[in-house]
C-alpha atoms as a PDB file:
ATOM      1  CA  MET A   1     -26.203  -3.458  -7.290  1.00  0.00           C
ATOM      2  CA  LEU A   2     -27.138  -0.679  -4.774  1.00  0.00           C
ATOM      3  CA  SER A   3     -25.925  -2.775  -1.854  1.00  0.00           C
ATOM      4  CA  ASN A   4     -22.581  -3.370  -3.624  1.00  0.00           C
ATOM      5  CA  TRP A   5     -22.204   0.389  -4.199  1.00  0.00           C
ATOM      6  CA  LEU A   6     -22.645   0.958  -0.437  1.00  0.00           C
ATOM      7  CA  ILE A   7     -20.184  -1.773   0.293  1.00  0.00           C
ATOM      8  CA  PHE A   8     -17.662  -0.045  -2.012  1.00  0.00           C
ATOM      9  CA  LEU A   9     -18.200   3.302  -0.357  1.00  0.00           C
ATOM     10  CA  LEU A  10     -17.788   1.832   3.169  1.00  0.00           C
ATOM     11  CA  GLY A  11     -14.859  -0.252   2.115  1.00  0.00           C
ATOM     12  CA  GLY A  12     -13.189   2.834   0.743  1.00  0.00           C
ATOM     13  CA  LEU A  13     -13.880   4.760   3.866  1.00  0.00           C
ATOM     14  CA  PHE A  14     -12.214   2.038   5.928  1.00  0.00           C
ATOM     15  CA  SER A  15      -9.189   1.789   3.649  1.00  0.00           C
ATOM     16  CA  GLY A  16      -8.827   5.549   3.547  1.00  0.00           C
ATOM     17  CA  GLY A  17      -8.720   5.549   7.252  1.00  0.00           C
ATOM     18  CA  LEU A  18      -5.910   3.036   7.208  1.00  0.00           C
ATOM     19  CA  ALA A  19      -4.136   4.988   4.471  1.00  0.00           C
ATOM     20  CA  GLY A  20      -3.873   8.122   6.656  1.00  0.00           C
ATOM     21  CA  LEU A  21      -3.196   6.194   9.871  1.00  0.00           C
ATOM     22  CA  LEU A  22      -0.731   3.565   8.719  1.00  0.00           C
ATOM     23  CA  GLY A  23       0.795   4.972   5.517  1.00  0.00           C
ATOM     24  CA  ILE A  24      -0.564   2.310   3.290  1.00  0.00           C
ATOM     25  CA  GLY A  25      -2.596   2.838   0.208  1.00  0.00           C
ATOM     26  CA  GLY A  26      -5.450   0.633   1.519  1.00  0.00           C
ATOM     27  CA  GLY A  27      -4.960  -2.198  -1.069  1.00  0.00           C
ATOM     28  CA  THR A  28      -4.483  -4.719   1.675  1.00  0.00           C
ATOM     29  CA  VAL A  29      -8.208  -4.164   2.445  1.00  0.00           C
ATOM     30  CA  LEU A  30      -9.565  -3.270  -1.041  1.00  0.00           C
ATOM     31  CA  VAL A  31      -8.098  -6.259  -2.890  1.00  0.00           C
ATOM     32  CA  PRO A  32      -9.607  -8.953  -0.600  1.00  0.00           C
ATOM     33  CA  LEU A  33     -12.904  -6.870  -0.561  1.00  0.00           C
ATOM     34  CA  LEU A  34     -13.163  -6.878  -4.342  1.00  0.00           C
ATOM     35  CA  ILE A  35     -12.257 -10.561  -4.528  1.00  0.00           C
ATOM     36  CA  ALA A  36     -14.905 -11.417  -1.905  1.00  0.00           C
ATOM     37  CA  ILE A  37     -17.681  -9.449  -3.769  1.00  0.00           C
ATOM     38  CA  HIS A  38     -16.840 -10.989  -7.182  1.00  0.00           C
ATOM     39  CA  GLN A  39     -15.857 -14.425  -6.010  1.00  0.00           C
ATOM     40  CA  ASN A  40     -18.674 -16.156  -7.963  1.00  0.00           C
ATOM     41  CA  GLN A  41     -18.121 -14.309 -11.193  1.00  0.00           C
ATOM     42  CA  SER A  42     -15.984 -16.303 -13.658  1.00  0.00           C
ATOM     43  CA  ASN A  43     -15.166 -13.147 -15.683  1.00  0.00           C
ATOM     44  CA  TYR A  44     -13.628 -11.375 -12.676  1.00  0.00           C
ATOM     45  CA  GLN A  45      -9.955 -12.312 -11.924  1.00  0.00           C
ATOM     46  CA  PRO A  46      -7.678 -11.327  -8.985  1.00  0.00           C
ATOM     47  CA  VAL A  47      -5.838  -9.070 -11.373  1.00  0.00           C
ATOM     48  CA  ASN A  48      -8.917  -7.005 -11.844  1.00  0.00           C
ATOM     49  CA  ALA A  49      -9.157  -6.571  -8.135  1.00  0.00           C
ATOM     50  CA  VAL A  50      -5.484  -5.548  -8.044  1.00  0.00           C
ATOM     51  CA  ALA A  51      -5.996  -2.981 -10.850  1.00  0.00           C
ATOM     52  CA  THR A  52      -9.296  -1.504  -9.522  1.00  0.00           C
ATOM     53  CA  SER A  53      -7.758  -1.162  -6.013  1.00  0.00           C
ATOM     54  CA  LEU A  54      -5.075   0.978  -7.480  1.00  0.00           C
ATOM     55  CA  LEU A  55      -7.501   3.474  -8.925  1.00  0.00           C
ATOM     56  CA  ALA A  56      -9.142   3.973  -5.526  1.00  0.00           C
ATOM     57  CA  ILE A  57      -5.659   4.317  -3.944  1.00  0.00           C
ATOM     58  CA  VAL A  58      -4.817   7.138  -6.374  1.00  0.00           C
ATOM     59  CA  ILE A  59      -7.712   9.167  -4.981  1.00  0.00           C
ATOM     60  CA  THR A  60      -7.133   8.160  -1.399  1.00  0.00           C
ATOM     61  CA  SER A  61      -3.375   8.840  -1.214  1.00  0.00           C
ATOM     62  CA  ILE A  62      -3.802  12.187  -2.951  1.00  0.00           C
ATOM     63  CA  SER A  63      -6.436  13.183  -0.379  1.00  0.00           C
ATOM     64  CA  GLY A  64      -4.360  12.137   2.621  1.00  0.00           C
ATOM     65  CA  SER A  65      -1.124  13.584   1.322  1.00  0.00           C
ATOM     66  CA  ILE A  66      -2.650  17.023   0.673  1.00  0.00           C
ATOM     67  CA  GLN A  67      -3.828  17.009   4.279  1.00  0.00           C
ATOM     68  CA  ASN A  68      -0.375  15.971   5.532  1.00  0.00           C
ATOM     69  CA  TRP A  69       1.162  18.800   3.423  1.00  0.00           C
ATOM     70  CA  ARG A  70      -1.283  21.442   4.756  1.00  0.00           C
ATOM     71  CA  MET A  71      -0.367  20.344   8.321  1.00  0.00           C
ATOM     72  CA  GLY A  72       3.327  20.624   7.562  1.00  0.00           C
ATOM     73  CA  TYR A  73       4.070  16.892   7.917  1.00  0.00           C
ATOM     74  CA  LEU A  74       5.145  16.031   4.319  1.00  0.00           C
ATOM     75  CA  ASP A  75       8.712  16.254   3.074  1.00  0.00           C
ATOM     76  CA  ILE A  76       8.111  16.761  -0.626  1.00  0.00           C
ATOM     77  CA  LYS A  77      11.862  16.488  -1.570  1.00  0.00           C
ATOM     78  CA  ARG A  78      12.217  13.106  -0.006  1.00  0.00           C
ATOM     79  CA  VAL A  79       8.848  11.900  -1.432  1.00  0.00           C
ATOM     80  CA  ILE A  80      10.156  12.824  -4.963  1.00  0.00           C
ATOM     81  CA  TYR A  81      13.582  11.142  -4.521  1.00  0.00           C
ATOM     82  CA  ILE A  82      12.079   7.901  -3.280  1.00  0.00           C
ATOM     83  CA  ALA A  83       9.206   7.917  -5.858  1.00  0.00           C
ATOM     84  CA  ILE A  84      11.318   8.260  -8.995  1.00  0.00           C
ATOM     85  CA  PRO A  85      12.434   4.545  -9.196  1.00  0.00           C
ATOM     86  CA  SER A  86       8.866   3.478  -8.470  1.00  0.00           C
ATOM     87  CA  LEU A  87       7.737   4.903 -11.838  1.00  0.00           C
ATOM     88  CA  PHE A  88       9.591   2.144 -13.616  1.00  0.00           C
ATOM     89  CA  THR A  89       9.143  -0.757 -11.220  1.00  0.00           C
ATOM     90  CA  ALA A  90       5.373  -0.216 -11.028  1.00  0.00           C
ATOM     91  CA  GLN A  91       5.140  -0.923 -14.777  1.00  0.00           C
ATOM     92  CA  LEU A  92       7.116  -4.095 -14.318  1.00  0.00           C
ATOM     93  CA  GLY A  93       4.844  -5.214 -11.437  1.00  0.00           C
ATOM     94  CA  ALA A  94       1.715  -4.612 -13.589  1.00  0.00           C
ATOM     95  CA  TYR A  95       3.207  -6.562 -16.374  1.00  0.00           C
ATOM     96  CA  LEU A  96       4.177  -9.571 -14.149  1.00  0.00           C
ATOM     97  CA  ALA A  97       0.672  -9.634 -12.446  1.00  0.00           C
ATOM     98  CA  ASN A  98      -0.779 -10.688 -15.800  1.00  0.00           C
ATOM     99  CA  LEU A  99       1.539 -13.622 -16.217  1.00  0.00           C
ATOM    100  CA  VAL A 100       1.279 -15.594 -12.899  1.00  0.00           C
ATOM    101  CA  PRO A 101      -1.463 -17.909 -11.867  1.00  0.00           C
ATOM    102  CA  ASP A 102      -4.082 -16.650  -9.331  1.00  0.00           C
ATOM    103  CA  TYR A 103      -2.913 -18.889  -6.506  1.00  0.00           C
ATOM    104  CA  ILE A 104       0.696 -17.571  -6.895  1.00  0.00           C
ATOM    105  CA  LEU A 105      -0.528 -13.971  -6.789  1.00  0.00           C
ATOM    106  CA  LEU A 106      -2.616 -14.580  -3.666  1.00  0.00           C
ATOM    107  CA  GLY A 107      -0.035 -16.728  -1.859  1.00  0.00           C
ATOM    108  CA  SER A 108       2.803 -14.211  -2.726  1.00  0.00           C
ATOM    109  CA  PHE A 109       0.748 -11.450  -1.165  1.00  0.00           C
ATOM    110  CA  ALA A 110       0.365 -13.372   2.109  1.00  0.00           C
ATOM    111  CA  VAL A 111       4.137 -13.981   2.241  1.00  0.00           C
ATOM    112  CA  LEU A 112       4.752 -10.309   1.590  1.00  0.00           C
ATOM    113  CA  LEU A 113       2.581  -9.378   4.552  1.00  0.00           C
ATOM    114  CA  ILE A 114       4.443 -11.723   6.939  1.00  0.00           C
ATOM    115  CA  ALA A 115       7.830 -10.503   5.588  1.00  0.00           C
ATOM    116  CA  THR A 116       6.736  -6.971   6.392  1.00  0.00           C
ATOM    117  CA  ILE A 117       5.986  -7.833  10.002  1.00  0.00           C
ATOM    118  CA  PHE A 118       9.475  -9.272  10.269  1.00  0.00           C
ATOM    119  CA  LEU A 119      11.049  -6.071   8.816  1.00  0.00           C
ATOM    120  CA  THR A 120       9.126  -3.929  11.330  1.00  0.00           C
ATOM    121  CA  ASN A 121      10.279  -6.030  14.237  1.00  0.00           C
ATOM    122  CA  LEU A 122      13.776  -6.019  12.935  1.00  0.00           C
ATOM    123  CA  ARG A 123      13.864  -2.223  12.870  1.00  0.00           C
ATOM    124  CA  LYS A 124      12.809  -2.141  16.531  1.00  0.00           C
ATOM    125  CA  ARG A 125      15.731  -4.386  17.438  1.00  0.00           C
ATOM    126  CA  LEU A 126      18.189  -2.201  15.531  1.00  0.00           C
ATOM    127  CA  ALA A 127      16.780   1.060  16.898  1.00  0.00           C
ATOM    128  CA  SER A 128      19.001   1.059  20.003  1.00  0.00           C
ATOM    129  CA  ARG A 129      22.205   0.873  17.977  1.00  0.00           C
ATOM    130  CA  THR A 130      24.064   4.036  17.164  1.00  0.00           C
ATOM    131  CA  ASN A 131      24.664   4.821  13.505  1.00  0.00           C
ATOM    132  CA  ASN A 132      27.399   6.823  11.931  1.00  0.00           C
ATOM    133  CA  GLU A 133      25.740   9.805  10.318  1.00  0.00           C
ATOM    134  CA  SER A 134      28.292  10.086   7.389  1.00  0.00           C
ATOM    135  CA  SER A 135      27.824   6.379   6.682  1.00  0.00           C
ATOM    136  CA  GLN A 136      23.970   6.876   6.550  1.00  0.00           C
ATOM    137  CA  ASN A 137      24.353   9.740   4.059  1.00  0.00           C
ATOM    138  CA  THR A 138      26.755   7.646   1.860  1.00  0.00           C
ATOM    139  CA  ASN A 139      24.125   4.985   1.508  1.00  0.00           C
ATOM    140  CA  LEU A 140      21.043   7.335   1.259  1.00  0.00           C
ATOM    141  CA  PHE A 141      20.885   7.198  -2.610  1.00  0.00           C
ATOM    142  CA  ILE A 142      20.839   3.374  -2.469  1.00  0.00           C
ATOM    143  CA  SER A 143      18.334   3.276   0.317  1.00  0.00           C
ATOM    144  CA  TYR A 144      15.958   5.571  -1.814  1.00  0.00           C
ATOM    145  CA  LEU A 145      16.389   3.202  -4.676  1.00  0.00           C
ATOM    146  CA  ILE A 146      15.481   0.196  -2.613  1.00  0.00           C
ATOM    147  CA  ILE A 147      12.552   1.768  -0.952  1.00  0.00           C
ATOM    148  CA  GLY A 148      11.037   3.383  -4.101  1.00  0.00           C
ATOM    149  CA  GLY A 149      11.809   0.345  -6.306  1.00  0.00           C
ATOM    150  CA  SER A 150      10.238  -2.092  -3.948  1.00  0.00           C
ATOM    151  CA  GLY A 151       7.135   0.046  -3.376  1.00  0.00           C
ATOM    152  CA  GLY A 152       6.527   0.469  -7.098  1.00  0.00           C
ATOM    153  CA  LEU A 153       7.118  -3.240  -7.883  1.00  0.00           C
ATOM    154  CA  LEU A 154       4.606  -4.256  -5.192  1.00  0.00           C
ATOM    155  CA  ALA A 155       2.117  -1.575  -6.221  1.00  0.00           C
ATOM    156  CA  GLY A 156       1.911  -2.912  -9.668  1.00  0.00           C
ATOM    157  CA  PHE A 157       2.037  -6.632  -8.849  1.00  0.00           C
ATOM    158  CA  PHE A 158      -0.354  -6.749  -5.836  1.00  0.00           C
ATOM    159  CA  GLY A 159      -2.554  -3.629  -6.215  1.00  0.00           C
ATOM    160  CA  VAL A 160      -1.346  -2.061  -2.992  1.00  0.00           C
ATOM    161  CA  GLY A 161       0.103   1.399  -2.690  1.00  0.00           C
ATOM    162  CA  GLY A 162       3.421  -0.069  -1.524  1.00  0.00           C
ATOM    163  CA  GLY A 163       3.220   1.272   1.982  1.00  0.00           C
ATOM    164  CA  VAL A 164       3.301  -2.196   3.552  1.00  0.00           C
ATOM    165  CA  ILE A 165       6.889  -2.422   2.508  1.00  0.00           C
ATOM    166  CA  MET A 166       7.975   1.238   2.297  1.00  0.00           C
ATOM    167  CA  VAL A 167       7.072   2.073   5.942  1.00  0.00           C
ATOM    168  CA  PRO A 168       9.368  -0.649   7.467  1.00  0.00           C
ATOM    169  CA  LEU A 169      12.082  -0.045   4.892  1.00  0.00           C
ATOM    170  CA  GLN A 170      12.250   3.705   5.734  1.00  0.00           C
ATOM    171  CA  MET A 171      12.456   2.678   9.415  1.00  0.00           C
ATOM    172  CA  LEU A 172      15.148   0.203   8.620  1.00  0.00           C
ATOM    173  CA  LEU A 173      17.279   1.886   6.003  1.00  0.00           C
ATOM    174  CA  ILE A 174      17.074   5.670   6.787  1.00  0.00           C
ATOM    175  CA  LYS A 175      16.212   5.424  10.477  1.00  0.00           C
ATOM    176  CA  GLU A 176      12.841   7.311  10.308  1.00  0.00           C
ATOM    177  CA  ASN A 177      10.343   6.951  13.163  1.00  0.00           C
ATOM    178  CA  ILE A 178       7.139   5.234  12.256  1.00  0.00           C
ATOM    179  CA  LYS A 179       4.947   8.397  12.051  1.00  0.00           C
ATOM    180  CA  LYS A 180       7.411  10.178   9.641  1.00  0.00           C
ATOM    181  CA  SER A 181       7.617   6.888   7.641  1.00  0.00           C
ATOM    182  CA  VAL A 182       3.831   6.751   7.444  1.00  0.00           C
ATOM    183  CA  GLN A 183       3.535  10.325   6.189  1.00  0.00           C
ATOM    184  CA  THR A 184       6.278   9.957   3.638  1.00  0.00           C
ATOM    185  CA  SER A 185       5.018   6.652   2.486  1.00  0.00           C
ATOM    186  CA  LEU A 186       1.545   8.053   1.718  1.00  0.00           C
ATOM    187  CA  GLY A 187       3.108  10.763  -0.442  1.00  0.00           C
ATOM    188  CA  ILE A 188       5.151   8.248  -2.407  1.00  0.00           C
ATOM    189  CA  ILE A 189       2.023   6.116  -2.801  1.00  0.00           C
ATOM    190  CA  VAL A 190       0.521   8.988  -4.918  1.00  0.00           C
ATOM    191  CA  VAL A 191       3.249   8.333  -7.521  1.00  0.00           C
ATOM    192  CA  THR A 192       3.395   4.536  -7.292  1.00  0.00           C
ATOM    193  CA  SER A 193      -0.363   4.050  -7.537  1.00  0.00           C
ATOM    194  CA  ILE A 194      -0.739   6.429 -10.551  1.00  0.00           C
ATOM    195  CA  ALA A 195       2.074   4.693 -12.402  1.00  0.00           C
ATOM    196  CA  ALA A 196       0.816   1.189 -11.534  1.00  0.00           C
ATOM    197  CA  CYS A 197      -2.850   2.108 -12.301  1.00  0.00           C
ATOM    198  CA  ALA A 198      -1.854   3.502 -15.663  1.00  0.00           C
ATOM    199  CA  GLY A 199      -0.053   0.265 -16.521  1.00  0.00           C
ATOM    200  CA  HIS A 200      -3.146  -1.859 -15.619  1.00  0.00           C
ATOM    201  CA  ALA A 201      -5.545   0.479 -17.377  1.00  0.00           C
ATOM    202  CA  TRP A 202      -3.445  -0.014 -20.563  1.00  0.00           C
ATOM    203  CA  GLN A 203      -4.027  -3.763 -20.241  1.00  0.00           C
ATOM    204  CA  GLY A 204      -7.779  -3.307 -19.590  1.00  0.00           C
ATOM    205  CA  ASN A 205      -7.777  -4.587 -16.055  1.00  0.00           C
ATOM    206  CA  VAL A 206      -9.344  -1.613 -14.219  1.00  0.00           C
ATOM    207  CA  LYS A 207     -13.104  -1.523 -13.352  1.00  0.00           C
ATOM    208  CA  PHE A 208     -13.520   2.254 -13.232  1.00  0.00           C
ATOM    209  CA  LEU A 209     -16.890   2.676 -11.571  1.00  0.00           C
ATOM    210  CA  GLU A 210     -15.977   0.527  -8.648  1.00  0.00           C
ATOM    211  CA  GLY A 211     -12.592   2.134  -8.390  1.00  0.00           C
ATOM    212  CA  PHE A 212     -14.117   5.629  -8.180  1.00  0.00           C
ATOM    213  CA  LEU A 213     -16.788   4.612  -5.617  1.00  0.00           C
ATOM    214  CA  LEU A 214     -13.979   3.075  -3.390  1.00  0.00           C
ATOM    215  CA  GLY A 215     -11.920   6.207  -3.934  1.00  0.00           C
ATOM    216  CA  ILE A 216     -14.711   8.524  -2.815  1.00  0.00           C
ATOM    217  CA  GLY A 217     -15.012   6.618   0.452  1.00  0.00           C
ATOM    218  CA  GLY A 218     -11.211   6.547   0.722  1.00  0.00           C
ATOM    219  CA  LEU A 219     -10.909  10.268   0.230  1.00  0.00           C
ATOM    220  CA  ILE A 220     -13.136  10.954   3.312  1.00  0.00           C
ATOM    221  CA  GLY A 221     -11.453   8.341   5.449  1.00  0.00           C
ATOM    222  CA  ALA A 222      -7.924   9.657   4.680  1.00  0.00           C
ATOM    223  CA  GLN A 223      -8.937  13.194   5.632  1.00  0.00           C
ATOM    224  CA  ILE A 224     -10.138  12.017   9.022  1.00  0.00           C
ATOM    225  CA  SER A 225      -7.285   9.665   9.867  1.00  0.00           C
ATOM    226  CA  THR A 226      -4.467  12.085   8.900  1.00  0.00           C
ATOM    227  CA  ARG A 227      -5.807  14.425  11.541  1.00  0.00           C
ATOM    228  CA  PHE A 228      -5.478  11.713  14.226  1.00  0.00           C
ATOM    229  CA  LEU A 229      -2.055  10.340  13.402  1.00  0.00           C
ATOM    230  CA  PRO A 230       0.024  13.034  15.054  1.00  0.00           C
ATOM    231  CA  LYS A 231      -1.924  12.533  18.369  1.00  0.00           C
ATOM    232  CA  LEU A 232      -1.285   8.768  18.637  1.00  0.00           C
ATOM    233  CA  PRO A 233       1.714   7.181  20.377  1.00  0.00           C
ATOM    234  CA  ASP A 234       4.260   5.366  18.023  1.00  0.00           C
ATOM    235  CA  LYS A 235       3.581   2.093  19.901  1.00  0.00           C
ATOM    236  CA  VAL A 236      -0.135   2.194  19.077  1.00  0.00           C
ATOM    237  CA  VAL A 237       0.493   2.918  15.347  1.00  0.00           C
ATOM    238  CA  SER A 238       3.130   0.151  15.124  1.00  0.00           C
ATOM    239  CA  PHE A 239       0.802  -2.355  16.907  1.00  0.00           C
ATOM    240  CA  LEU A 240      -2.113  -1.522  14.603  1.00  0.00           C
ATOM    241  CA  PHE A 241       0.106  -1.895  11.604  1.00  0.00           C
ATOM    242  CA  ARG A 242       1.492  -5.297  12.528  1.00  0.00           C
ATOM    243  CA  THR A 243      -1.938  -6.660  13.650  1.00  0.00           C
ATOM    244  CA  LEU A 244      -3.525  -5.713  10.344  1.00  0.00           C
ATOM    245  CA  LEU A 245      -0.806  -7.426   8.337  1.00  0.00           C
ATOM    246  CA  ALA A 246      -1.038 -10.582  10.442  1.00  0.00           C
ATOM    247  CA  ILE A 247      -4.823 -10.952   9.970  1.00  0.00           C
ATOM    248  CA  LEU A 248      -4.639 -10.264   6.203  1.00  0.00           C
ATOM    249  CA  SER A 249      -1.781 -12.747   5.639  1.00  0.00           C
ATOM    250  CA  VAL A 250      -4.047 -15.548   7.072  1.00  0.00           C
ATOM    251  CA  TYR A 251      -6.758 -14.470   4.691  1.00  0.00           C
ATOM    252  CA  PHE A 252      -4.636 -14.532   1.611  1.00  0.00           C
ATOM    253  CA  PHE A 253      -3.148 -17.916   2.518  1.00  0.00           C
ATOM    254  CA  TRP A 254      -6.683 -19.180   2.811  1.00  0.00           C
ATOM    255  CA  LYS A 255      -7.668 -17.685  -0.660  1.00  0.00           C
ATOM    256  CA  ALA A 256      -4.516 -19.119  -2.264  1.00  0.00           C
ATOM    257  CA  TRP A 257      -5.419 -22.567  -0.842  1.00  0.00           C
ATOM    258  CA  ILE A 258      -8.915 -22.353  -2.349  1.00  0.00           C
ATOM    259  CA  ALA A 259      -7.490 -21.235  -5.760  1.00  0.00           C
ATOM    260  CA  VAL A 260      -5.067 -24.234  -5.778  1.00  0.00           C
ATOM    261  CA  ASN A 261      -7.866 -26.686  -5.249  1.00  0.00           C
ATOM    262  CA  GLN A 262     -10.380 -25.366  -7.689  1.00  0.00           C
END
C-alpha cells in the first residue's frame, strides 16, 4: 500500500509537470497509470481510473493556472468564454463513459490521441496563410463553442482535462501560438475537470484518496513546469506534445486489444 502511495505521488508530479508544460490536465498519464496499478482487481474498472484522474486534474490545473495568472500569462476572459459550454458537455461525457464497454473506451482514447496529432500538424500547415481579421472575429463565438464543448466532452468521457484537443483547436480555429494555447487550455481545464469530476462523483466512480495523492504530486509539478514554459522555444513544446500523444496512443491500442480478448 505504501509503495502504491509513492507511485501515486510520483505519477502526480509527472502529470503536473506535463500540465504546466503542455496545457493538458495530465489524464493522458494518470488514466493509464491507474489502470496499470489496478489491472488485476476485478472491482476496478477503466471508468474508475477516468473519474479518479479528474479529481487529481482539478488540483493540478488550479495550481498551474494560479501560477500562470500571477505571471501575467492567463487571459481570464477568454478562459471563461471557452469554458462555459464545457460545463454541459462534461456531464454528457461522464454519462456516456458509464455506458460503453471498456475496450471501446480505451480504443477511442487511442484514436483521440492520433487525431490530436493530426490537428496539430494541420495547424502548422495553415500557419503561413493570411487570415482576414473580421472573418476571424465573426466566427469567434462558434470557435469558442467548438473548443469548450469538445474539451468538456472529452474530459467527462476519457478522464482527461481536455487539453489534448483544446490546444490544437485553439491553434487551428483562433490562430493562437502554442504557448498561449497551452496557458489558456490549462485555465479552461479548471472548469472542465471540476464539472466532469462532479458528474462522476455523483455516479460513485471516484476513488478519493488516490485522487488526492495524485493531485498533491501534480500541484508541485505544475508549479515547477509553468515557470519553465515561457523559456522554451515553440518547436520544443510542440515536439514534446506530439511525441507524448504518439506514445500513449500505442499504449491504449494495446490495452484495448487486451480488453477485447479477455
